[in-house]
C-alpha atoms as a PDB file:
ATOM      1  CA  MET A   1      19.115  63.068 -62.890  1.00  0.00           C
ATOM      2  CA  SER A   2      21.117  60.287 -62.841  1.00  0.00           C
ATOM      3  CA  ASP A   3      17.659  57.645 -62.620  1.00  0.00           C
ATOM      4  CA  LYS A   4      16.714  59.649 -65.274  1.00  0.00           C
ATOM      5  CA  TYR A   5      19.890  58.762 -66.666  1.00  0.00           C
ATOM      6  CA  SER A   6      19.796  55.434 -66.138  1.00  0.00           C
ATOM      7  CA  LYS A   7      16.385  54.651 -67.404  1.00  0.00           C
ATOM      8  CA  ARG A   8      16.927  56.469 -70.653  1.00  0.00           C
ATOM      9  CA  LYS A   9      20.678  55.023 -71.172  1.00  0.00           C
ATOM     10  CA  LEU A  10      18.551  51.006 -70.237  1.00  0.00           C
ATOM     11  CA  ALA A  11      16.259  51.645 -73.104  1.00  0.00           C
ATOM     12  CA  GLY A  12      18.105  52.556 -75.761  1.00  0.00           C
ATOM     13  CA  SER A  13      19.922  49.541 -75.275  1.00  0.00           C
ATOM     14  CA  SER A  14      17.525  47.777 -75.403  1.00  0.00           C
ATOM     15  CA  ILE A  15      15.927  49.855 -79.244  1.00  0.00           C
ATOM     16  CA  THR A  16      19.717  48.794 -80.085  1.00  0.00           C
ATOM     17  CA  THR A  17      19.482  45.402 -78.964  1.00  0.00           C
ATOM     18  CA  VAL A  18      15.922  44.982 -80.968  1.00  0.00           C
ATOM     19  CA  VAL A  19      16.916  46.786 -84.019  1.00  0.00           C
ATOM     20  CA  SER A  20      19.999  44.990 -83.887  1.00  0.00           C
ATOM     21  CA  LEU A  21      17.927  41.822 -83.553  1.00  0.00           C
ATOM     22  CA  SER A  22      15.116  42.723 -86.250  1.00  0.00           C
ATOM     23  CA  LEU A  23      17.596  44.132 -89.202  1.00  0.00           C
ATOM     24  CA  VAL A  24      19.665  40.697 -88.646  1.00  0.00           C
ATOM     25  CA  LEU A  25      16.463  38.001 -88.544  1.00  0.00           C
ATOM     26  CA  PHE A  26      14.935  40.249 -91.192  1.00  0.00           C
ATOM     27  CA  MET A  27      18.454  39.887 -93.667  1.00  0.00           C
ATOM     28  CA  LEU A  28      17.970  35.436 -92.206  1.00  0.00           C
ATOM     29  CA  GLY A  29      14.600  36.023 -93.679  1.00  0.00           C
ATOM     30  CA  LEU A  30      14.805  37.491 -96.974  1.00  0.00           C
ATOM     31  CA  LEU A  31      17.512  34.578 -96.894  1.00  0.00           C
ATOM     32  CA  GLY A  32      15.101  32.072 -95.829  1.00  0.00           C
ATOM     33  CA  ILE A  33      12.756  33.570 -98.925  1.00  0.00           C
ATOM     34  CA  ILE A  34      14.927  33.647-101.821  1.00  0.00           C
ATOM     35  CA  VAL A  35      16.367  30.252-100.892  1.00  0.00           C
ATOM     36  CA  LEU A  36      12.585  28.448-101.266  1.00  0.00           C
ATOM     37  CA  ASN A  37      12.250  31.203-104.425  1.00  0.00           C
ATOM     38  CA  THR A  38      15.159  29.397-106.011  1.00  0.00           C
ATOM     39  CA  ARG A  39      13.616  26.137-104.761  1.00  0.00           C
ATOM     40  CA  LYS A  40      10.671  26.853-107.153  1.00  0.00           C
ATOM     41  CA  LEU A  41      12.487  28.752-109.565  1.00  0.00           C
ATOM     42  CA  SER A  42      14.754  25.472-110.091  1.00  0.00           C
ATOM     43  CA  ASP A  43      11.752  22.728-109.966  1.00  0.00           C
ATOM     44  CA  ASN A  44       9.839  25.006-112.810  1.00  0.00           C
ATOM     45  CA  VAL A  45      12.784  24.913-115.030  1.00  0.00           C
ATOM     46  CA  LYS A  46      13.340  21.364-114.556  1.00  0.00           C
ATOM     47  CA  GLU A  47       9.771  20.540-114.796  1.00  0.00           C
ATOM     48  CA  ASN A  48       9.875  22.688-118.498  1.00  0.00           C
ATOM     49  CA  ILE A  49      12.363  19.487-119.230  1.00  0.00           C
ATOM     50  CA  GLY A  50      10.775  17.043-121.142  1.00  0.00           C
ATOM     51  CA  PHE A  51      11.051  14.888-124.041  1.00  0.00           C
ATOM     52  CA  GLN A  52       9.051  13.954-127.403  1.00  0.00           C
ATOM     53  CA  VAL A  53       7.154  10.514-127.784  1.00  0.00           C
ATOM     54  CA  ILE A  54       7.392   9.737-131.696  1.00  0.00           C
ATOM     55  CA  LEU A  55       4.068   7.392-132.526  1.00  0.00           C
ATOM     56  CA  ASN A  56       4.831   4.518-135.198  1.00  0.00           C
ATOM     57  CA  GLU A  57       2.930   6.177-138.290  1.00  0.00           C
ATOM     58  CA  SER A  58       0.513   2.255-137.055  1.00  0.00           C
ATOM     59  CA  ALA A  59      -0.462   3.642-133.590  1.00  0.00           C
ATOM     60  CA  LYS A  60      -4.319   3.353-132.849  1.00  0.00           C
ATOM     61  CA  GLU A  61      -5.822   5.564-132.123  1.00  0.00           C
ATOM     62  CA  VAL A  62      -7.149   3.578-128.931  1.00  0.00           C
ATOM     63  CA  ASP A  63      -3.467   2.440-128.222  1.00  0.00           C
ATOM     64  CA  VAL A  64      -2.586   5.935-128.269  1.00  0.00           C
ATOM     65  CA  GLU A  65      -4.940   6.939-125.376  1.00  0.00           C
ATOM     66  CA  HIS A  66      -4.100   4.760-123.278  1.00  0.00           C
ATOM     67  CA  LEU A  67      -0.481   5.071-123.768  1.00  0.00           C
ATOM     68  CA  THR A  68      -1.338   8.861-122.812  1.00  0.00           C
ATOM     69  CA  LYS A  69      -2.937   7.211-119.444  1.00  0.00           C
ATOM     70  CA  THR A  70      -0.024   5.370-118.756  1.00  0.00           C
ATOM     71  CA  LEU A  71       2.268   8.205-118.599  1.00  0.00           C
ATOM     72  CA  ASP A  72       0.059  10.232-116.383  1.00  0.00           C
ATOM     73  CA  ALA A  73       0.015   8.167-114.310  1.00  0.00           C
ATOM     74  CA  SER A  74       3.516   7.227-113.816  1.00  0.00           C
ATOM     75  CA  ARG A  75       5.479   8.377-110.988  1.00  0.00           C
ATOM     76  CA  TYR A  76       7.849  10.449-112.896  1.00  0.00           C
ATOM     77  CA  VAL A  77       5.486  12.678-115.099  1.00  0.00           C
ATOM     78  CA  LYS A  78       3.852  16.571-114.423  1.00  0.00           C
ATOM     79  CA  SER A  79       1.880  16.284-117.492  1.00  0.00           C
ATOM     80  CA  THR A  80       1.480  15.104-120.868  1.00  0.00           C
ATOM     81  CA  GLU A  81       0.063  16.728-124.814  1.00  0.00           C
ATOM     82  CA  TYR A  82      -0.657  14.510-127.460  1.00  0.00           C
ATOM     83  CA  ILE A  83      -0.179  15.747-130.010  1.00  0.00           C
ATOM     84  CA  THR A  84      -2.267  14.824-133.936  1.00  0.00           C
ATOM     85  CA  LYS A  85       0.239  14.659-137.364  1.00  0.00           C
ATOM     86  CA  GLU A  86      -2.385  17.364-137.785  1.00  0.00           C
ATOM     87  CA  GLU A  87      -1.921  20.354-135.157  1.00  0.00           C
ATOM     88  CA  ALA A  88       1.964  19.302-135.281  1.00  0.00           C
ATOM     89  CA  ALA A  89       1.557  20.602-138.972  1.00  0.00           C
ATOM     90  CA  ALA A  90      -0.092  23.021-137.894  1.00  0.00           C
ATOM     91  CA  ARG A  91       2.514  24.367-135.469  1.00  0.00           C
ATOM     92  CA  LEU A  92       5.598  24.027-138.605  1.00  0.00           C
ATOM     93  CA  LYS A  93       3.099  25.375-140.382  1.00  0.00           C
ATOM     94  CA  LYS A  94       2.833  28.748-138.328  1.00  0.00           C
ATOM     95  CA  ASP A  95       5.837  28.670-137.244  1.00  0.00           C
ATOM     96  CA  LEU A  96       7.028  28.482-140.501  1.00  0.00           C
ATOM     97  CA  GLY A  97       4.964  30.832-141.966  1.00  0.00           C
ATOM     98  CA  GLU A  98       3.785  28.880-145.496  1.00  0.00           C
ATOM     99  CA  ASP A  99       2.529  25.674-146.158  1.00  0.00           C
ATOM    100  CA  PHE A 100       4.731  23.473-146.947  1.00  0.00           C
ATOM    101  CA  ILE A 101       2.189  20.668-147.335  1.00  0.00           C
ATOM    102  CA  SER A 102       1.317  21.811-150.233  1.00  0.00           C
ATOM    103  CA  PHE A 103       4.425  22.324-151.741  1.00  0.00           C
ATOM    104  CA  LEU A 104       5.037  18.891-150.854  1.00  0.00           C
ATOM    105  CA  GLY A 105       1.739  17.043-151.307  1.00  0.00           C
ATOM    106  CA  TYR A 106       2.073  15.129-148.326  1.00  0.00           C
ATOM    107  CA  ASN A 107       2.106  15.352-144.225  1.00  0.00           C
ATOM    108  CA  PRO A 108       5.259  13.941-142.844  1.00  0.00           C
ATOM    109  CA  LEU A 109       4.939  14.900-139.585  1.00  0.00           C
ATOM    110  CA  LEU A 110       4.312  11.982-136.878  1.00  0.00           C
ATOM    111  CA  SER A 111       2.091  12.208-134.090  1.00  0.00           C
ATOM    112  CA  SER A 112       3.778  12.392-130.944  1.00  0.00           C
ATOM    113  CA  ILE A 113       3.259  13.335-127.431  1.00  0.00           C
ATOM    114  CA  ASN A 114       4.714  15.760-125.471  1.00  0.00           C
ATOM    115  CA  VAL A 115       6.307  14.717-121.914  1.00  0.00           C
ATOM    116  CA  HIS A 116       7.238  17.404-118.687  1.00  0.00           C
ATOM    117  CA  LEU A 117       8.968  15.598-115.639  1.00  0.00           C
ATOM    118  CA  LYS A 118       9.035  16.425-112.001  1.00  0.00           C
ATOM    119  CA  ALA A 119      11.567  18.273-111.249  1.00  0.00           C
ATOM    120  CA  GLU A 120      13.498  14.992-108.922  1.00  0.00           C
ATOM    121  CA  TYR A 121      13.597  12.809-112.308  1.00  0.00           C
ATOM    122  CA  ALA A 122      14.169  15.577-114.990  1.00  0.00           C
ATOM    123  CA  ASN A 123      18.124  14.898-115.021  1.00  0.00           C
ATOM    124  CA  ALA A 124      20.163  12.099-117.479  1.00  0.00           C
ATOM    125  CA  ASP A 125      20.543   8.968-115.315  1.00  0.00           C
ATOM    126  CA  SER A 126      16.981   9.673-114.787  1.00  0.00           C
ATOM    127  CA  LEU A 127      15.810  10.289-117.812  1.00  0.00           C
ATOM    128  CA  ASN A 128      18.223   7.134-119.630  1.00  0.00           C
ATOM    129  CA  TRP A 129      16.075   4.914-118.555  1.00  0.00           C
ATOM    130  CA  ILE A 130      12.961   6.149-118.891  1.00  0.00           C
ATOM    131  CA  GLU A 131      13.858   6.733-122.763  1.00  0.00           C
ATOM    132  CA  LYS A 132      15.088   2.901-122.686  1.00  0.00           C
ATOM    133  CA  GLY A 133      11.286   2.309-120.694  1.00  0.00           C
ATOM    134  CA  MET A 134       9.431   3.716-123.576  1.00  0.00           C
ATOM    135  CA  LEU A 135      11.331   2.614-126.633  1.00  0.00           C
ATOM    136  CA  ASP A 136      10.446  -1.269-125.565  1.00  0.00           C
ATOM    137  CA  SER A 137       6.739   0.165-126.438  1.00  0.00           C
ATOM    138  CA  LYS A 138       5.750  -0.855-130.413  1.00  0.00           C
ATOM    139  CA  LEU A 139       3.807   2.266-130.231  1.00  0.00           C
ATOM    140  CA  VAL A 140       7.036   3.787-129.975  1.00  0.00           C
ATOM    141  CA  LYS A 141       9.786   4.665-132.655  1.00  0.00           C
ATOM    142  CA  GLU A 142      11.554   7.242-131.604  1.00  0.00           C
ATOM    143  CA  VAL A 143      12.272   9.209-128.200  1.00  0.00           C
ATOM    144  CA  VAL A 144      13.735  12.532-128.292  1.00  0.00           C
ATOM    145  CA  TYR A 145      14.693  15.073-126.365  1.00  0.00           C
ATOM    146  CA  GLN A 146      17.838  17.847-125.281  1.00  0.00           C
ATOM    147  CA  LYS A 147      20.492  16.109-123.367  1.00  0.00           C
ATOM    148  CA  SER A 148      23.354  18.801-123.511  1.00  0.00           C
ATOM    149  CA  LEU A 149      20.606  21.422-122.181  1.00  0.00           C
ATOM    150  CA  VAL A 150      19.858  18.664-119.611  1.00  0.00           C
ATOM    151  CA  ASN A 151      22.736  18.646-118.114  1.00  0.00           C
ATOM    152  CA  MET A 152      23.835  22.576-118.698  1.00  0.00           C
ATOM    153  CA  ILE A 153      20.740  23.016-116.300  1.00  0.00           C
ATOM    154  CA  ASN A 154      20.880  20.298-114.086  1.00  0.00           C
ATOM    155  CA  GLU A 155      23.889  21.167-113.415  1.00  0.00           C
ATOM    156  CA  ASN A 156      23.883  25.055-113.618  1.00  0.00           C
ATOM    157  CA  VAL A 157      20.977  25.174-110.611  1.00  0.00           C
ATOM    158  CA  LYS A 158      24.232  22.718-108.858  1.00  0.00           C
ATOM    159  CA  LYS A 159      26.516  25.848-109.323  1.00  0.00           C
ATOM    160  CA  ILE A 160      23.188  28.611-108.496  1.00  0.00           C
ATOM    161  CA  SER A 161      23.146  26.420-105.267  1.00  0.00           C
ATOM    162  CA  LEU A 162      26.526  26.351-103.767  1.00  0.00           C
ATOM    163  CA  VAL A 163      26.826  29.897-104.310  1.00  0.00           C
ATOM    164  CA  ILE A 164      23.882  30.632-101.895  1.00  0.00           C
ATOM    165  CA  LEU A 165      24.808  27.864 -99.477  1.00  0.00           C
ATOM    166  CA  ILE A 166      27.573  29.652 -99.040  1.00  0.00           C
ATOM    167  CA  PHE A 167      26.165  32.638 -98.465  1.00  0.00           C
ATOM    168  CA  SER A 168      23.435  31.343 -96.144  1.00  0.00           C
ATOM    169  CA  GLY A 169      26.265  30.242 -94.377  1.00  0.00           C
ATOM    170  CA  LEU A 170      28.568  33.904 -94.264  1.00  0.00           C
ATOM    171  CA  LEU A 171      25.452  35.200 -93.031  1.00  0.00           C
ATOM    172  CA  MET A 172      24.284  33.431 -90.432  1.00  0.00           C
ATOM    173  CA  ILE A 173      27.918  34.081 -88.864  1.00  0.00           C
ATOM    174  CA  ILE A 174      27.893  37.785 -89.806  1.00  0.00           C
ATOM    175  CA  ALA A 175      23.989  37.492 -87.864  1.00  0.00           C
ATOM    176  CA  LEU A 176      24.952  35.231 -84.578  1.00  0.00           C
ATOM    177  CA  ALA A 177      28.060  37.453 -84.474  1.00  0.00           C
ATOM    178  CA  LEU A 178      26.223  41.217 -84.333  1.00  0.00           C
ATOM    179  CA  ILE A 179      23.756  40.165 -82.132  1.00  0.00           C
ATOM    180  CA  ASN A 180      26.557  38.377 -79.675  1.00  0.00           C
ATOM    181  CA  ASN A 181      28.174  41.332 -79.722  1.00  0.00           C
ATOM    182  CA  THR A 182      25.138  43.829 -79.291  1.00  0.00           C
ATOM    183  CA  ILE A 183      24.131  41.699 -76.162  1.00  0.00           C
ATOM    184  CA  ARG A 184      27.094  41.635 -75.177  1.00  0.00           C
ATOM    185  CA  LEU A 185      27.442  45.660 -74.794  1.00  0.00           C
ATOM    186  CA  THR A 186      24.117  45.628 -73.350  1.00  0.00           C
ATOM    187  CA  ILE A 187      25.019  43.340 -70.844  1.00  0.00           C
ATOM    188  CA  TYR A 188      28.457  44.826 -69.525  1.00  0.00           C
ATOM    189  CA  SER A 189      26.442  47.826 -69.343  1.00  0.00           C
ATOM    190  CA  LYS A 190      24.915  45.942 -65.997  1.00  0.00           C
ATOM    191  CA  ARG A 191      28.216  44.448 -65.124  1.00  0.00           C
ATOM    192  CA  PHE A 192      28.322  46.141 -61.987  1.00  0.00           C
ATOM    193  CA  ILE A 193      24.938  45.583 -60.730  1.00  0.00           C
ATOM    194  CA  ILE A 194      24.779  41.646 -61.260  1.00  0.00           C
ATOM    195  CA  LYS A 195      28.042  40.907 -58.975  1.00  0.00           C
ATOM    196  CA  THR A 196      26.483  43.688 -56.558  1.00  0.00           C
ATOM    197  CA  MET A 197      23.226  40.672 -56.953  1.00  0.00           C
ATOM    198  CA  GLN A 198      26.199  37.953 -56.751  1.00  0.00           C
ATOM    199  CA  LEU A 199      28.224  39.353 -53.354  1.00  0.00           C
ATOM    200  CA  VAL A 200      24.456  39.543 -51.209  1.00  0.00           C
ATOM    201  CA  GLY A 201      24.288  35.870 -52.242  1.00  0.00           C
ATOM    202  CA  ALA A 202      22.069  35.038 -55.299  1.00  0.00           C
ATOM    203  CA  THR A 203      22.579  32.525 -57.055  1.00  0.00           C
ATOM    204  CA  GLN A 204      23.638  32.331 -60.785  1.00  0.00           C
ATOM    205  CA  GLY A 205      20.151  31.022 -61.858  1.00  0.00           C
ATOM    206  CA  PHE A 206      18.051  33.324 -59.960  1.00  0.00           C
ATOM    207  CA  ILE A 207      20.824  36.254 -61.296  1.00  0.00           C
ATOM    208  CA  ARG A 208      20.055  35.182 -64.777  1.00  0.00           C
ATOM    209  CA  ARG A 209      16.579  34.554 -65.090  1.00  0.00           C
ATOM    210  CA  PRO A 210      15.604  38.030 -65.506  1.00  0.00           C
ATOM    211  CA  PHE A 211      17.960  39.479 -68.120  1.00  0.00           C
ATOM    212  CA  VAL A 212      17.534  35.817 -69.690  1.00  0.00           C
ATOM    213  CA  MET A 213      13.446  36.676 -70.046  1.00  0.00           C
ATOM    214  CA  LYS A 214      14.598  40.310 -71.278  1.00  0.00           C
ATOM    215  CA  GLY A 215      16.805  38.612 -73.633  1.00  0.00           C
ATOM    216  CA  ILE A 216      14.180  36.969 -74.743  1.00  0.00           C
ATOM    217  CA  LYS A 217      11.628  39.452 -74.902  1.00  0.00           C
ATOM    218  CA  HIS A 218      13.649  41.842 -77.131  1.00  0.00           C
ATOM    219  CA  GLY A 219      13.694  38.376 -79.391  1.00  0.00           C
ATOM    220  CA  VAL A 220      10.351  37.729 -79.157  1.00  0.00           C
ATOM    221  CA  TYR A 221      10.118  42.157 -80.844  1.00  0.00           C
ATOM    222  CA  GLY A 222      13.340  41.932 -83.174  1.00  0.00           C
ATOM    223  CA  ALA A 223      11.567  38.739 -84.899  1.00  0.00           C
ATOM    224  CA  ILE A 224       8.111  40.992 -84.960  1.00  0.00           C
ATOM    225  CA  ILE A 225       9.535  43.586 -86.919  1.00  0.00           C
ATOM    226  CA  ALA A 226      11.610  41.630 -88.848  1.00  0.00           C
ATOM    227  CA  ILE A 227       8.627  39.644 -89.854  1.00  0.00           C
ATOM    228  CA  GLY A 228       6.103  43.322 -90.398  1.00  0.00           C
ATOM    229  CA  MET A 229       9.352  44.119 -92.849  1.00  0.00           C
ATOM    230  CA  LEU A 230       9.643  40.915 -94.767  1.00  0.00           C
ATOM    231  CA  ILE A 231       5.950  41.129 -95.589  1.00  0.00           C
ATOM    232  CA  GLY A 232       6.175  44.815 -96.693  1.00  0.00           C
ATOM    233  CA  PHE A 233       9.023  43.260 -98.871  1.00  0.00           C
ATOM    234  CA  LEU A 234       7.189  40.923-100.082  1.00  0.00           C
ATOM    235  CA  TYR A 235       4.243  43.858-101.017  1.00  0.00           C
ATOM    236  CA  VAL A 236       6.371  45.895-103.057  1.00  0.00           C
ATOM    237  CA  LEU A 237       7.810  42.775-104.953  1.00  0.00           C
ATOM    238  CA  GLN A 238       4.973  41.574-105.976  1.00  0.00           C
ATOM    239  CA  LYS A 239       3.594  44.997-106.843  1.00  0.00           C
ATOM    240  CA  GLN A 240       6.935  44.999-109.617  1.00  0.00           C
ATOM    241  CA  MET A 241       6.770  41.581-110.487  1.00  0.00           C
ATOM    242  CA  PRO A 242       3.055  40.070-110.312  1.00  0.00           C
ATOM    243  CA  GLU A 243       3.723  36.889-111.859  1.00  0.00           C
ATOM    244  CA  LEU A 244       6.089  35.791-108.302  1.00  0.00           C
ATOM    245  CA  ALA A 245       3.678  36.092-106.919  1.00  0.00           C
ATOM    246  CA  GLU A 246       2.356  32.831-108.480  1.00  0.00           C
ATOM    247  CA  LEU A 247       5.739  31.374-106.094  1.00  0.00           C
ATOM    248  CA  GLU A 248       5.230  31.614-102.966  1.00  0.00           C
ATOM    249  CA  ASP A 249       3.412  29.451-100.901  1.00  0.00           C
ATOM    250  CA  PRO A 250       0.827  30.929 -97.408  1.00  0.00           C
ATOM    251  CA  ASN A 251       1.917  27.298 -96.057  1.00  0.00           C
ATOM    252  CA  VAL A 252       6.187  28.214 -96.286  1.00  0.00           C
ATOM    253  CA  LEU A 253       6.218  32.404 -95.791  1.00  0.00           C
ATOM    254  CA  ALA A 254       3.858  30.880 -92.725  1.00  0.00           C
ATOM    255  CA  SER A 255       6.601  27.991 -91.402  1.00  0.00           C
ATOM    256  CA  LEU A 256       8.940  30.531 -92.385  1.00  0.00           C
ATOM    257  CA  PHE A 257       8.105  33.690 -89.642  1.00  0.00           C
ATOM    258  CA  GLY A 258       7.366  30.605 -87.022  1.00  0.00           C
ATOM    259  CA  ILE A 259      11.186  30.207 -88.122  1.00  0.00           C
ATOM    260  CA  VAL A 260      11.700  33.706 -88.159  1.00  0.00           C
ATOM    261  CA  ILE A 261      10.827  34.064 -84.287  1.00  0.00           C
ATOM    262  CA  LEU A 262      11.782  30.460 -82.694  1.00  0.00           C
ATOM    263  CA  LEU A 263      15.695  32.735 -84.188  1.00  0.00           C
ATOM    264  CA  GLY A 264      15.100  35.813 -82.596  1.00  0.00           C
ATOM    265  CA  ILE A 265      14.346  33.632 -78.916  1.00  0.00           C
ATOM    266  CA  ILE A 266      17.196  31.093 -79.171  1.00  0.00           C
ATOM    267  CA  ILE A 267      19.844  33.717 -80.310  1.00  0.00           C
ATOM    268  CA  SER A 268      18.379  36.218 -77.968  1.00  0.00           C
ATOM    269  CA  TRP A 269      18.632  33.070 -75.352  1.00  0.00           C
ATOM    270  CA  ILE A 270      21.660  31.254 -75.680  1.00  0.00           C
ATOM    271  CA  SER A 271      24.132  35.233 -76.045  1.00  0.00           C
ATOM    272  CA  THR A 272      22.205  36.319 -73.262  1.00  0.00           C
ATOM    273  CA  SER A 273      22.947  33.289 -71.063  1.00  0.00           C
ATOM    274  CA  LEU A 274      26.316  33.678 -72.060  1.00  0.00           C
ATOM    275  CA  ALA A 275      26.974  37.123 -71.406  1.00  0.00           C
ATOM    276  CA  VAL A 276      25.706  37.043 -67.868  1.00  0.00           C
ATOM    277  CA  ARG A 277      28.052  34.103 -67.485  1.00  0.00           C
ATOM    278  CA  LYS A 278      30.945  35.740 -68.310  1.00  0.00           C
ATOM    279  CA  TYR A 279      30.025  38.874 -65.921  1.00  0.00           C
ATOM    280  CA  LEU A 280      29.325  36.213 -63.118  1.00  0.00           C
ATOM    281  CA  ARG A 281      32.866  34.404 -63.556  1.00  0.00           C
ATOM    282  CA  LEU A 282      34.516  37.672 -63.109  1.00  0.00           C
ATOM    283  CA  LYS A 283      36.416  39.076 -60.401  1.00  0.00           C
ATOM    284  CA  SER A 284      35.117  42.011 -58.947  1.00  0.00           C
ATOM    285  CA  ASP A 285      39.029  44.335 -59.952  1.00  0.00           C
ATOM    286  CA  ASP A 286      38.141  42.832 -63.481  1.00  0.00           C
ATOM    287  CA  LEU A 287      34.345  44.499 -63.494  1.00  0.00           C
ATOM    288  CA  TYR A 288      36.333  48.208 -64.385  1.00  0.00           C
ATOM    289  CA  TYR A 289      38.070  46.940 -67.814  1.00  0.00           C
END
């Protein structure tokens, strides 16, 4: 009867450990997804930042085409869009809802090139030297962009990144503490077995090995469950918000799942080793406290 009770107790503690690990690893994985998507979202926002190159009236089509190709080949440009003065007039007419050309008698707009920057160059410093370089061209009359908007977006991205970083650090500390306490409780229930093995002459490495191997197995099982939960969460999220599917990179997710498994193994290994080491150093009288 006592053997059955002991087995049920051990099985229960193992299940508790695996469940605790899976929940914590799920939260860490979820945090990883949030961090990755936040970075992509911020990059998407930054890549919508750009500037408009207003061309001179005298600019020839061949020269404009060459300038556009040069911009497309630049390291800081993601995409360009050439807009003729006729296309600009048609867009403005649509926005205004009336034909301003008929009223004025001529088209006052100039041809332009809309330039969208790569995320790492979407900042005030980069835009300043890009603007200076563009104004050196005889084809360019003016470079237009909203400096205040650029600064505001970059400041907000920094603030959000800092909040996420602090939250990540706190969650990691809490996660490690929870897993460590759960594993310590499991090892605590086996402290008499550890001490008995030590008294009959077993080495510390011999005693520690089965506990560590079992802890690593628990880490792997917990990580697999956590990955299953993450896949389920992403599936439900995509059903609710299909547009998020564009932000997810299968290679990045695969790497994240690999990190979750690695974290499960490392955390379980370290926590189990430290817990066993503690009880290996205890005196026999201290086992009852």
